[in-house]
């Protein structure tokens, strides 16, 4: 019953956001020239719908995360939402970025590796059957020096390209930036995308960016310790379906994790504070999409990334 009332709340919030968007849409159309292109009008409508979707999703996140000390995939925000309206269709998906491995954590500005996170990333690369050299090239992209790690790449390599550019020599600003790093463009980035982030619960360069064990996929859970096999990760996922973790130490209650969990409490958390919102609206076959990343600080969402296309 509580989930049914909660779902009704979600729908009400999104409908309010859509009504606001539709109202703005009619106002906008009044000022469009009579000869305006139909596709441009549809795109304008779609943009307003997606903005309404993002507004509704932010309200949902703020309300649901403010009332509990942990977040899970059973929460209302984790359910994909689709609304069909006479003028078009809106789809909204929310992801917990804290469920992913933060790539800005595994190397320090001086070029030395944060050993624990380096090993976690290497385990993820092995799990995805990707080259371990990707860790070296990413480290060189982030660190401030110009001395390449073994099998890495610094300015000399990038400046020799047909269209030369320099490595950032600082923390990744967006996940899309990975495409500029040697070896990542194309399939490697697409394989990594569901499991990595540059927006952890901690800021770039902080000692830790803990992973939410209530929402992390199996591949990410396996990176926490080399002793966590696929079957043990599946056991964690099955356990949390009916017994969500309220505190990090409760991970030890999963059979097989009794001796593993205590050594990793600084790497894990049970509540996410950084979320990726994806809203897509289709109007007469024209689709507009907004991707946003928000950080919830004290219940107030702060947008750290926004892209509309």
Protein backbone atom coordinates (compact mmCIF):
# COMPACT_ATOMS: atom_id res chain seq x y z
CA UNK A 1 0.00 0.00 0.00
CA UNK A 2 2.84 2.41 0.85
CA UNK A 3 4.47 1.75 -2.53
CA UNK A 4 1.12 2.31 -4.31
CA UNK A 5 0.69 5.67 -2.60
CA UNK A 6 4.28 6.50 -3.45
CA UNK A 7 3.78 5.62 -7.11
CA UNK A 8 0.68 7.84 -7.24
CA UNK A 9 2.85 10.63 -5.81
CA UNK A 10 5.38 10.10 -8.59
CA UNK A 11 2.71 10.32 -11.26
CA UNK A 12 1.20 13.44 -9.67
CA UNK A 13 4.60 15.15 -9.53
CA UNK A 14 5.38 14.35 -13.14
CA UNK A 15 1.91 15.34 -14.35
CA UNK A 16 2.29 18.69 -12.57
CA UNK A 17 5.64 19.14 -14.28
CA UNK A 18 4.12 18.21 -17.64
CA UNK A 19 1.17 20.55 -17.21
CA UNK A 20 3.64 23.33 -16.51
CA UNK A 21 5.58 22.39 -19.64
CA UNK A 22 2.44 22.22 -21.78
CA UNK A 23 1.32 25.63 -20.53
CA UNK A 24 4.72 27.05 -21.44
CA UNK A 25 4.42 25.28 -24.78
CA UNK A 26 1.20 27.07 -25.70
CA UNK A 27 2.69 30.41 -24.65
CA UNK A 28 5.74 29.65 -26.75
CA UNK A 29 3.63 28.78 -29.82
CA UNK A 30 1.84 32.13 -29.65
CA UNK A 31 5.14 33.85 -30.32
CA UNK A 32 6.32 31.50 -33.03
CA UNK A 33 6.05 32.91 -36.52
CA UNK A 34 3.28 31.43 -38.64
CA UNK A 35 5.80 30.15 -41.13
CA UNK A 36 7.96 28.38 -38.55
CA UNK A 37 9.28 24.96 -39.44
CA UNK A 38 7.17 22.10 -38.01
CA UNK A 39 10.24 20.17 -36.87
CA UNK A 40 11.45 23.20 -34.95
CA UNK A 41 8.08 23.43 -33.20
CA UNK A 42 8.16 19.71 -32.37
CA UNK A 43 11.71 20.06 -31.04
CA UNK A 44 10.62 23.01 -28.90
CA UNK A 45 7.75 20.99 -27.51
CA UNK A 46 10.02 18.02 -26.84
CA UNK A 47 12.51 20.23 -25.04
CA UNK A 48 9.79 21.52 -22.73
CA UNK A 49 8.54 17.99 -22.06
CA UNK A 50 12.04 16.78 -21.13
CA UNK A 51 12.57 19.76 -18.85
CA UNK A 52 9.30 18.88 -17.16
CA UNK A 53 10.52 15.31 -16.76
CA UNK A 54 13.77 16.43 -15.16
CA UNK A 55 11.86 18.75 -12.82
CA UNK A 56 9.57 15.93 -11.74
CA UNK A 57 12.49 13.52 -11.27
CA UNK A 58 14.34 16.04 -9.09
CA UNK A 59 11.27 16.47 -6.92
CA UNK A 60 10.91 12.70 -6.62
CA UNK A 61 14.57 12.26 -5.66
CA UNK A 62 14.49 15.04 -3.09
CA UNK A 63 11.35 13.68 -1.43
CA UNK A 64 12.31 10.01 -1.32
CA UNK A 65 15.97 10.36 -0.32
CA UNK A 66 15.22 12.91 2.40
CA UNK A 67 13.10 10.48 4.39
CA UNK A 68 15.44 7.47 4.67
CA UNK A 69 19.06 6.83 5.59
CA UNK A 70 19.70 4.38 2.73
CA UNK A 71 18.71 4.06 -0.93
CA UNK A 72 17.93 0.88 -2.85
CA UNK A 73 16.73 -0.35 -6.21
CA UNK A 74 13.34 -0.96 -4.57
CA UNK A 75 12.84 2.80 -4.16
CA UNK A 76 10.42 4.70 -6.38
CA UNK A 77 13.17 6.71 -8.05
CA UNK A 78 14.73 3.49 -9.40
CA UNK A 79 11.66 2.62 -11.48
CA UNK A 80 11.65 3.79 -15.11
CA UNK A 81 8.74 6.15 -15.72
CA UNK A 82 6.81 6.51 -18.97
CA UNK A 83 3.99 8.94 -19.57
CA UNK A 84 1.93 9.05 -22.74
CA UNK A 85 0.18 12.33 -23.51
CA UNK A 86 -1.84 13.45 -26.50
CA UNK A 87 1.10 15.51 -27.80
CA UNK A 88 3.77 12.87 -27.27
CA UNK A 89 5.61 10.51 -24.95
CA UNK A 90 8.01 11.07 -22.07
CA UNK A 91 10.45 8.51 -20.59
CA UNK A 92 12.50 9.19 -17.46
CA UNK A 93 15.26 7.01 -15.99
CA UNK A 94 17.26 7.75 -12.82
CA UNK A 95 20.59 6.04 -12.05
CA UNK A 96 22.62 6.08 -8.85
CA UNK A 97 26.12 7.23 -9.81
CA UNK A 98 27.32 6.05 -6.39
CA UNK A 99 26.66 2.51 -7.63
CA UNK A 100 29.61 2.86 -9.99
CA UNK A 101 33.41 2.95 -9.73
CA UNK A 102 34.73 6.52 -9.65
CA UNK A 103 37.60 6.78 -12.15
CA UNK A 104 38.85 10.01 -10.58
CA UNK A 105 39.88 8.10 -7.47
CA UNK A 106 42.47 5.64 -8.64
CA UNK A 107 45.37 8.00 -9.36
CA UNK A 108 46.71 11.04 -7.50
CA UNK A 109 47.81 14.31 -9.17
CA UNK A 110 51.48 13.39 -8.65
CA UNK A 111 51.02 10.28 -10.78
CA UNK A 112 51.09 7.72 -7.99
CA UNK A 113 48.27 5.23 -7.81
CA UNK A 114 45.70 5.04 -5.05
CA UNK A 115 46.51 1.37 -4.71
CA UNK A 116 43.15 0.14 -3.44
CA UNK A 117 41.23 1.85 -6.22
CA UNK A 118 43.82 0.90 -8.82
CA UNK A 119 43.25 -2.75 -8.00
CA UNK A 120 39.49 -2.25 -8.15
CA UNK A 121 39.74 -0.74 -11.62
CA UNK A 122 42.07 -3.46 -12.86
CA UNK A 123 39.59 -6.08 -11.64
CA UNK A 124 36.80 -4.32 -13.54
CA UNK A 125 38.87 -4.19 -16.73
CA UNK A 126 39.63 -7.91 -16.42
CA UNK A 127 35.96 -8.69 -15.79
CA UNK A 128 34.98 -6.81 -18.96
CA UNK A 129 37.85 -8.42 -20.92
CA UNK A 130 39.49 -5.05 -21.56
CA UNK A 131 43.21 -4.31 -21.68
CA UNK A 132 44.89 -3.42 -18.35
CA UNK A 133 46.80 -0.76 -20.31
CA UNK A 134 43.67 1.37 -20.09
CA UNK A 135 44.53 2.02 -16.45
CA UNK A 136 47.94 3.41 -17.46
CA UNK A 137 46.64 5.67 -20.23
CA UNK A 138 43.94 7.05 -17.93
CA UNK A 139 46.46 7.66 -15.17
CA UNK A 140 48.61 9.67 -17.59
CA UNK A 141 45.58 11.67 -18.71
CA UNK A 142 44.82 12.63 -15.11
CA UNK A 143 48.25 13.11 -13.50
CA UNK A 144 50.09 16.41 -13.75
CA UNK A 145 53.47 15.17 -14.97
CA UNK A 146 54.51 14.34 -18.53
CA UNK A 147 56.20 11.03 -17.81
CA UNK A 148 54.14 8.11 -19.14
CA UNK A 149 53.39 5.05 -17.06
CA UNK A 150 54.29 1.69 -18.57
CA UNK A 151 52.13 1.31 -21.72
CA UNK A 152 50.64 4.74 -20.99
CA UNK A 153 50.53 7.92 -23.09
CA UNK A 154 51.47 11.53 -22.38
CA UNK A 155 51.73 14.70 -24.49
CA UNK A 156 54.24 13.22 -26.94
CA UNK A 157 51.70 10.61 -28.08
CA UNK A 158 48.70 12.96 -28.30
CA UNK A 159 50.59 15.71 -30.13
CA UNK A 160 51.64 13.19 -32.79
CA UNK A 161 48.02 12.48 -33.74
CA UNK A 162 46.58 13.70 -37.04
CA UNK A 163 44.47 16.12 -35.02
CA UNK A 164 46.74 16.77 -32.05
CA UNK A 165 45.67 17.82 -28.58
CA UNK A 166 47.06 17.66 -25.07
CA UNK A 167 45.93 15.45 -22.18
CA UNK A 168 43.95 17.23 -19.49
CA UNK A 169 46.51 16.53 -16.73
CA UNK A 170 43.69 16.82 -14.22
CA UNK A 171 40.57 14.97 -13.15
CA UNK A 172 37.98 13.92 -15.73
CA UNK A 173 35.19 16.48 -16.05
CA UNK A 174 32.70 14.20 -17.84
CA UNK A 175 32.48 10.53 -18.71
CA UNK A 176 32.38 11.45 -22.41
CA UNK A 177 35.90 12.85 -22.03
CA UNK A 178 37.16 9.27 -21.81
CA UNK A 179 36.79 9.03 -25.60
CA UNK A 180 39.81 11.35 -25.89
CA UNK A 181 42.01 9.06 -23.81
CA UNK A 182 44.20 6.59 -25.69
CA UNK A 183 42.45 3.25 -26.11
CA UNK A 184 39.00 4.24 -24.84
CA UNK A 185 37.08 5.46 -27.91
CA UNK A 186 34.43 3.16 -29.30
CA UNK A 187 33.75 -0.27 -27.80
CA UNK A 188 35.88 0.05 -24.61
CA UNK A 189 34.03 3.18 -23.48
CA UNK A 190 30.66 1.65 -24.28
CA UNK A 191 31.49 -1.47 -22.25
CA UNK A 192 32.68 0.60 -19.30
CA UNK A 193 29.85 3.15 -19.35
CA UNK A 194 27.35 1.25 -17.12
CA UNK A 195 29.95 0.63 -14.41
CA UNK A 196 32.07 3.79 -14.07
CA UNK A 197 31.54 7.42 -13.19
CA UNK A 198 33.47 10.63 -12.66
CA UNK A 199 30.92 11.86 -10.11
CA UNK A 200 31.42 9.90 -6.92
CA UNK A 201 29.94 10.63 -3.53
CA UNK A 202 33.29 12.19 -2.67
CA UNK A 203 34.84 15.00 -4.67
CA UNK A 204 37.65 14.29 -7.13
CA UNK A 205 40.87 13.55 -5.30
CA UNK A 206 39.17 12.75 -1.99
CA UNK A 207 40.46 9.69 -0.09
CA UNK A 208 37.42 7.61 -0.99
CA UNK A 209 34.33 7.52 -3.17
CA UNK A 210 32.34 4.72 -1.54
CA UNK A 211 30.14 2.44 -3.62
CA UNK A 212 26.49 2.00 -2.72
CA UNK A 213 26.17 -1.74 -2.06
CA UNK A 214 22.37 -1.46 -2.30
CA UNK A 215 22.46 -0.39 -5.95
CA UNK A 216 25.81 -1.51 -7.41
CA UNK A 217 25.64 -4.06 -10.25
CA UNK A 218 27.37 -7.41 -9.91
CA UNK A 219 30.40 -6.31 -11.96
CA UNK A 220 31.08 -3.41 -9.57
CA UNK A 221 30.52 -5.49 -6.43
CA UNK A 222 33.19 -7.88 -7.69
CA UNK A 223 35.76 -5.07 -7.81
CA UNK A 224 35.60 -4.47 -4.05
CA UNK A 225 37.74 -7.52 -3.25
CA UNK A 226 39.42 -10.18 -5.36
CA UNK A 227 37.68 -12.85 -3.22
CA UNK A 228 34.21 -11.69 -4.35
CA UNK A 229 33.30 -14.09 -7.13
CA UNK A 230 30.37 -13.72 -9.49
CA UNK A 231 28.36 -16.18 -7.39
CA UNK A 232 29.14 -14.29 -4.17
CA UNK A 233 28.18 -10.98 -5.81
CA UNK A 234 24.91 -12.58 -6.91
CA UNK A 235 24.37 -13.67 -3.30
CA UNK A 236 24.78 -10.05 -2.17
CA UNK A 237 22.25 -8.91 -4.76
CA UNK A 238 19.76 -11.60 -3.74
CA UNK A 239 20.22 -10.71 -0.04
CA UNK A 240 19.61 -6.99 -0.53
CA UNK A 241 16.37 -7.57 -2.46
CA UNK A 242 14.59 -8.39 0.79
CA UNK A 243 17.11 -7.09 3.33
CA UNK A 244 18.48 -3.75 2.09
CA UNK A 245 21.67 -2.69 3.83
CA UNK A 246 21.08 0.15 6.27
CA UNK A 247 24.73 0.33 7.36
CA UNK A 248 27.90 -0.69 5.54
CA UNK A 249 28.86 -3.18 8.26
CA UNK A 250 25.73 -5.20 7.51
CA UNK A 251 27.44 -6.51 4.37
CA UNK A 252 29.14 -9.04 6.67
CA UNK A 253 25.75 -10.66 7.25
CA UNK A 254 25.79 -12.09 3.73
CA UNK A 255 27.06 -15.68 3.85
CA UNK A 256 30.62 -15.68 2.54
CA UNK A 257 31.24 -12.01 3.34
CA UNK A 258 31.89 -12.45 7.08
CA UNK A 259 35.68 -12.06 6.80
CA UNK A 260 35.76 -9.94 3.63
CA UNK A 261 33.42 -7.05 4.46
CA UNK A 262 35.15 -5.67 7.61
CA UNK A 263 38.26 -4.72 5.63
CA UNK A 264 36.37 -2.61 3.09
CA UNK A 265 34.01 -0.43 5.10
CA UNK A 266 35.64 2.78 3.81
CA UNK A 267 34.95 1.70 0.22
CA UNK A 268 31.23 1.14 0.61
CA UNK A 269 28.10 3.04 1.61
CA UNK A 270 24.37 2.35 1.72
CA UNK A 271 23.05 5.67 0.38
CA UNK A 272 23.75 7.51 -2.82
CA UNK A 273 23.95 11.27 -3.12
CA UNK A 274 24.81 11.60 -6.82
CA UNK A 275 22.31 10.64 -9.51
CA UNK A 276 22.14 10.68 -13.32
CA UNK A 277 18.77 11.69 -14.78
CA UNK A 278 17.85 10.78 -18.35
CA UNK A 279 14.66 12.23 -19.83
CA UNK A 280 13.59 11.72 -23.45
CA UNK A 281 10.45 13.18 -25.05
CA UNK A 282 9.12 12.33 -28.50
CA UNK A 283 6.69 14.67 -30.26
CA UNK A 284 5.50 13.76 -33.77
CA UNK A 285 8.59 11.62 -34.29
CA UNK A 286 11.04 14.30 -33.11
CA UNK A 287 12.95 13.37 -29.94
CA UNK A 288 14.69 15.66 -27.47
CA UNK A 289 16.83 14.28 -24.65
CA UNK A 290 18.29 15.76 -21.48
CA UNK A 291 20.97 14.09 -19.38
CA UNK A 292 21.72 15.66 -16.03
CA UNK A 293 23.83 14.68 -13.04
CA UNK A 294 22.76 16.06 -9.68
CA UNK A 295 24.36 15.99 -6.26
CA UNK A 296 21.96 15.97 -3.33
CA UNK A 297 23.49 17.99 -0.51
CA UNK A 298 21.28 18.51 2.50
CA UNK A 299 18.29 17.49 0.40
CA UNK A 300 18.88 20.30 -2.10
CA UNK A 301 19.85 19.13 -5.62
CA UNK A 302 22.86 20.80 -7.23
CA UNK A 303 23.30 20.20 -10.98
CA UNK A 304 26.89 19.24 -11.82
CA UNK A 305 26.30 18.20 -15.45
CA UNK A 306 23.67 19.08 -18.07
CA UNK A 307 23.43 18.11 -21.71
CA UNK A 308 20.49 18.54 -24.06
CA UNK A 309 20.37 17.09 -27.56
